[in-house]
């Protein structure tokens, strides 16, 4: 399967998830605080290379893949490379510098559920939402327990792995996943022509 087909399949999965989350948000009334990027500063976020393949493909087509790969090679921080803090010292406020191409983990967290040891669905969201939107969070939890449809982490990762079993099942620290995704794209196009409409830059 070509990189282009894999990217299209991942993006289609993301579109489906975005629709589910929009519907859920309408029902439960939970929302992220404007400008908040605290969840992105977590030091141990893990992801698969496959969920960042659209991002890697995008920066490759823009001619930035090798530059970003070089940045990742020397990066020592484990905070996501794509995250853009408001200031270097700010641990809360910031945003994704490539939001349309964020990974599956970024899309799921806050508005998807995991299963506890009893098989019950629990909304996986941040402490800020839980403490600042207490009533809405309680209401959302009750609605989910009573059958309100909600995206489920394991279901979406299973769907992702069906696109490419290997790339979808490798779980790495997020910056290593980003690096792996870029390397996958660069390796694929090392001896192949670029997609229609793009030219190699000598």
Protein backbone atom coordinates (compact mmCIF):
# COMPACT_ATOMS: atom_id res chain seq x y z
CA UNK A 1 0.00 0.00 0.00
CA UNK A 2 1.41 3.40 -0.99
CA UNK A 3 2.12 6.20 1.47
CA UNK A 4 -0.59 8.29 -0.19
CA UNK A 5 -3.21 5.58 0.34
CA UNK A 6 -2.18 5.09 3.97
CA UNK A 7 -2.32 8.83 4.62
CA UNK A 8 -5.78 9.07 3.04
CA UNK A 9 -7.00 6.16 5.17
CA UNK A 10 -5.66 7.70 8.39
CA UNK A 11 -7.20 11.07 7.51
CA UNK A 12 -10.54 9.38 6.84
CA UNK A 13 -10.36 7.75 10.28
CA UNK A 14 -9.63 11.18 11.77
CA UNK A 15 -12.64 12.70 9.97
CA UNK A 16 -14.88 10.01 11.43
CA UNK A 17 -13.50 10.66 14.91
CA UNK A 18 -13.88 14.44 14.58
CA UNK A 19 -17.56 13.99 13.70
CA UNK A 20 -18.08 11.70 16.70
CA UNK A 21 -16.36 14.14 19.04
CA UNK A 22 -18.35 17.12 17.71
CA UNK A 23 -21.58 15.22 18.33
CA UNK A 24 -20.41 14.23 21.81
CA UNK A 25 -19.39 17.77 22.74
CA UNK A 26 -22.85 19.03 21.75
CA UNK A 27 -24.36 16.56 24.21
CA UNK A 28 -22.00 16.84 27.18
CA UNK A 29 -21.05 20.54 26.95
CA UNK A 30 -17.41 19.95 27.95
CA UNK A 31 -14.72 22.07 26.32
CA UNK A 32 -11.01 22.80 26.56
CA UNK A 33 -10.10 26.21 27.95
CA UNK A 34 -9.11 28.66 25.25
CA UNK A 35 -5.35 28.66 24.73
CA UNK A 36 -4.74 25.77 27.12
CA UNK A 37 -2.03 23.34 26.07
CA UNK A 38 -1.26 21.69 29.41
CA UNK A 39 -1.96 18.16 28.19
CA UNK A 40 0.64 18.65 25.44
CA UNK A 41 3.36 19.33 28.02
CA UNK A 42 3.06 15.86 29.55
CA UNK A 43 6.53 14.32 29.44
CA UNK A 44 5.56 10.71 28.70
CA UNK A 45 3.04 10.89 25.85
CA UNK A 46 3.29 7.90 23.55
CA UNK A 47 1.99 7.46 20.02
CA UNK A 48 2.33 5.31 16.93
CA UNK A 49 4.21 6.46 13.82
CA UNK A 50 1.10 5.75 11.74
CA UNK A 51 -1.04 8.41 13.41
CA UNK A 52 1.59 11.00 12.47
CA UNK A 53 2.04 9.78 8.92
CA UNK A 54 -0.27 12.53 7.52
CA UNK A 55 1.86 15.11 9.38
CA UNK A 56 5.10 13.62 8.07
CA UNK A 57 3.71 13.47 4.54
CA UNK A 58 2.56 17.09 4.80
CA UNK A 59 5.94 18.44 5.91
CA UNK A 60 7.66 16.26 3.29
CA UNK A 61 5.58 17.80 0.50
CA UNK A 62 6.39 21.25 1.90
CA UNK A 63 10.10 20.47 1.75
CA UNK A 64 10.62 20.55 5.52
CA UNK A 65 10.99 16.85 6.34
CA UNK A 66 14.79 16.70 6.49
CA UNK A 67 15.01 19.93 8.52
CA UNK A 68 12.47 18.70 11.08
CA UNK A 69 14.16 15.29 11.21
CA UNK A 70 17.47 16.98 12.01
CA UNK A 71 15.75 18.95 14.81
CA UNK A 72 14.29 15.74 16.24
CA UNK A 73 17.70 14.05 16.08
CA UNK A 74 19.16 16.54 18.57
CA UNK A 75 16.04 17.22 20.63
CA UNK A 76 16.44 16.34 24.30
CA UNK A 77 13.03 17.40 25.62
CA UNK A 78 10.31 14.74 25.60
CA UNK A 79 7.56 17.34 25.14
CA UNK A 80 5.96 16.97 21.72
CA UNK A 81 8.05 18.70 19.05
CA UNK A 82 4.92 20.06 17.35
CA UNK A 83 3.70 21.76 20.53
CA UNK A 84 4.20 25.52 20.55
CA UNK A 85 4.14 27.02 24.09
CA UNK A 86 3.09 30.63 24.53
CA UNK A 87 6.47 31.28 26.17
CA UNK A 88 9.39 28.99 26.92
CA UNK A 89 8.57 28.98 30.63
CA UNK A 90 4.79 28.61 30.29
CA UNK A 91 3.65 25.14 31.36
CA UNK A 92 -0.02 25.66 30.58
CA UNK A 93 -0.70 27.93 27.64
CA UNK A 94 0.18 27.06 24.07
CA UNK A 95 -1.09 25.32 20.98
CA UNK A 96 -0.27 22.71 18.37
CA UNK A 97 1.82 24.25 15.61
CA UNK A 98 0.31 21.84 13.08
CA UNK A 99 -3.16 21.30 14.51
CA UNK A 100 -4.87 19.79 11.41
CA UNK A 101 -2.17 17.10 11.38
CA UNK A 102 -2.14 16.23 15.10
CA UNK A 103 -2.09 12.56 16.00
CA UNK A 104 -4.79 10.18 17.14
CA UNK A 105 -3.77 10.42 20.80
CA UNK A 106 -4.15 14.22 20.62
CA UNK A 107 -7.63 13.91 19.11
CA UNK A 108 -8.87 11.27 21.54
CA UNK A 109 -7.68 12.69 24.84
CA UNK A 110 -10.37 14.70 26.58
CA UNK A 111 -13.29 13.38 24.55
CA UNK A 112 -12.91 9.61 24.38
CA UNK A 113 -13.32 6.78 26.84
CA UNK A 114 -11.22 3.97 28.23
CA UNK A 115 -12.53 0.84 29.93
CA UNK A 116 -11.84 0.31 33.62
CA UNK A 117 -11.14 -3.09 35.19
CA UNK A 118 -14.87 -3.73 35.39
CA UNK A 119 -15.39 -3.02 31.71
CA UNK A 120 -17.12 0.30 32.38
CA UNK A 121 -16.44 3.24 30.09
CA UNK A 122 -14.67 6.19 31.71
CA UNK A 123 -14.17 9.53 29.97
CA UNK A 124 -10.42 10.18 29.77
CA UNK A 125 -10.06 13.90 30.24
CA UNK A 126 -7.81 16.33 32.07
CA UNK A 127 -7.88 17.51 35.68
CA UNK A 128 -8.62 21.07 34.56
CA UNK A 129 -11.87 20.01 32.89
CA UNK A 130 -12.79 17.74 35.81
CA UNK A 131 -12.27 20.47 38.40
CA UNK A 132 -13.50 23.53 36.50
CA UNK A 133 -16.49 21.92 34.77
CA UNK A 134 -17.58 19.62 37.60
CA UNK A 135 -21.30 19.44 36.86
CA UNK A 136 -20.86 18.95 33.14
CA UNK A 137 -18.25 16.26 33.77
CA UNK A 138 -20.54 14.39 36.17
CA UNK A 139 -23.40 14.70 33.71
CA UNK A 140 -21.18 13.45 30.87
CA UNK A 141 -20.07 10.46 32.94
CA UNK A 142 -23.69 9.57 33.72
CA UNK A 143 -24.75 9.90 30.09
CA UNK A 144 -21.90 7.66 28.97
CA UNK A 145 -22.78 5.06 31.61
CA UNK A 146 -26.35 5.15 30.29
CA UNK A 147 -25.32 4.46 26.71
CA UNK A 148 -24.40 7.80 25.15
CA UNK A 149 -22.11 6.94 22.19
CA UNK A 150 -18.51 7.92 22.86
CA UNK A 151 -15.26 7.27 20.97
CA UNK A 152 -13.23 4.52 22.65
CA UNK A 153 -9.43 4.57 22.67
CA UNK A 154 -8.92 0.86 22.01
CA UNK A 155 -11.44 0.81 19.15
CA UNK A 156 -9.75 3.67 17.33
CA UNK A 157 -6.28 2.26 17.79
CA UNK A 158 -7.51 -1.08 16.49
CA UNK A 159 -8.98 0.66 13.44
CA UNK A 160 -5.70 2.52 12.97
CA UNK A 161 -3.66 -0.69 13.06
CA UNK A 162 -5.87 -2.18 10.35
CA UNK A 163 -4.47 0.45 7.96
CA UNK A 164 -0.89 -0.69 8.58
CA UNK A 165 -0.37 -3.33 11.27
CA UNK A 166 3.31 -2.62 11.82
CA UNK A 167 3.21 1.18 11.89
CA UNK A 168 -0.02 1.18 13.88
CA UNK A 169 1.23 -1.13 16.62
CA UNK A 170 4.61 0.43 17.31
CA UNK A 171 4.06 2.63 20.37
CA UNK A 172 6.88 5.08 21.05
CA UNK A 173 7.54 8.28 22.98
CA UNK A 174 5.87 10.93 20.85
CA UNK A 175 9.00 12.55 19.42
CA UNK A 176 10.37 9.15 18.42
CA UNK A 177 7.02 8.42 16.73
CA UNK A 178 7.34 11.72 14.82
CA UNK A 179 10.89 10.83 13.78
CA UNK A 180 9.85 7.34 12.71
CA UNK A 181 6.98 8.73 10.60
CA UNK A 182 9.30 11.15 8.77
CA UNK A 183 11.86 8.41 8.14
CA UNK A 184 9.11 6.19 6.75
CA UNK A 185 8.08 8.87 4.24
CA UNK A 186 11.65 9.76 3.25
CA UNK A 187 12.56 6.12 2.76
CA UNK A 188 9.46 5.48 0.66
CA UNK A 189 10.19 8.36 -1.71
CA UNK A 190 13.96 7.82 -1.87
CA UNK A 191 13.57 5.91 -5.14
CA UNK A 192 10.03 6.81 -6.13
CA UNK A 193 8.60 9.83 -7.94
CA UNK A 194 6.73 12.40 -5.88
CA UNK A 195 2.92 12.49 -6.00
CA UNK A 196 1.35 14.26 -8.98
CA UNK A 197 1.76 18.02 -8.87
CA UNK A 198 5.02 17.95 -6.88
CA UNK A 199 8.56 18.14 -8.20
CA UNK A 200 11.88 17.09 -6.74
CA UNK A 201 13.95 20.09 -5.74
CA UNK A 202 17.54 19.65 -6.92
